[in-house]
Protein backbone atom coordinates (compact mmCIF):
# COMPACT_ATOMS: atom_id res chain seq x y z
CA UNK A 1 28.39 7.38 1.06
CA UNK A 2 26.38 10.10 -0.60
CA UNK A 3 25.62 10.24 -4.29
CA UNK A 4 25.70 6.99 -6.32
CA UNK A 5 23.56 4.09 -5.20
CA UNK A 6 20.05 3.40 -6.29
CA UNK A 7 18.58 6.60 -5.02
CA UNK A 8 15.10 5.12 -5.56
CA UNK A 9 14.20 4.87 -1.90
CA UNK A 10 10.80 6.29 -1.10
CA UNK A 11 9.96 7.66 2.30
CA UNK A 12 7.60 5.24 4.12
CA UNK A 13 5.53 8.20 5.36
CA UNK A 14 4.75 9.16 1.76
CA UNK A 15 3.69 5.61 0.94
CA UNK A 16 1.35 5.59 3.97
CA UNK A 17 -0.06 9.04 3.12
CA UNK A 18 -0.72 8.10 -0.47
CA UNK A 19 -2.31 4.81 0.58
CA UNK A 20 -4.65 6.59 3.00
CA UNK A 21 -5.65 9.14 0.39
CA UNK A 22 -6.47 6.37 -2.03
CA UNK A 23 -8.58 4.58 0.61
CA UNK A 24 -10.48 7.71 1.48
CA UNK A 25 -11.14 8.51 -2.19
CA UNK A 26 -12.41 5.02 -2.84
CA UNK A 27 -14.61 5.26 0.28
CA UNK A 28 -16.05 8.57 -0.94
CA UNK A 29 -16.79 7.04 -4.32
CA UNK A 30 -18.45 4.09 -2.62
CA UNK A 31 -20.71 6.33 -0.57
CA UNK A 32 -21.58 8.64 -3.45
CA UNK A 33 -22.13 5.73 -5.81
CA UNK A 34 -24.39 3.99 -3.34
CA UNK A 35 -26.48 7.15 -2.86
CA UNK A 36 -26.76 7.64 -6.62
CA UNK A 37 -27.72 4.00 -7.24
CA UNK A 38 -30.39 4.25 -4.49
CA UNK A 39 -31.71 7.51 -5.97
CA UNK A 40 -32.14 6.11 -9.44
CA UNK A 41 -33.45 2.73 -8.15
CA UNK A 42 -31.07 0.74 -10.36
CA UNK A 43 -32.32 -2.83 -10.91
CA UNK A 44 -28.74 -4.04 -11.29
CA UNK A 45 -25.48 -3.13 -9.65
CA UNK A 46 -24.52 -2.35 -6.10
CA UNK A 47 -22.13 0.13 -4.55
CA UNK A 48 -19.94 -2.72 -3.50
CA UNK A 49 -19.35 -3.69 -7.15
CA UNK A 50 -18.31 -0.06 -7.86
CA UNK A 51 -15.84 -0.20 -5.04
CA UNK A 52 -14.41 -3.59 -6.12
CA UNK A 53 -13.96 -2.49 -9.76
CA UNK A 54 -12.36 0.81 -8.78
CA UNK A 55 -10.10 -1.02 -6.34
CA UNK A 56 -8.96 -3.44 -9.04
CA UNK A 57 -8.30 -0.54 -11.47
CA UNK A 58 -6.34 1.48 -8.87
CA UNK A 59 -4.33 -1.61 -7.89
CA UNK A 60 -3.54 -2.37 -11.54
CA UNK A 61 -2.40 1.22 -12.15
CA UNK A 62 -0.20 1.19 -9.02
CA UNK A 63 1.25 -2.17 -9.98
CA UNK A 64 2.18 -0.85 -13.45
CA UNK A 65 3.63 2.34 -12.03
CA UNK A 66 5.66 0.43 -9.48
CA UNK A 67 7.02 -1.90 -12.15
CA UNK A 68 8.14 1.02 -14.33
């Protein structure tokens, strides 16, 4: 049956591709953030905290988008 139906199905390959892009962007931010924090000799903070916070933000955004 064509037409009708939910029509909201997303290709699994697109989901995997977007997920990998998000992972690589977060990894890039992790590496750049770590290099920057080491350069300025920050007394507080660590690149892991940057990655965790960004991961939480990205997850919250994706959760809201998926619920819409």
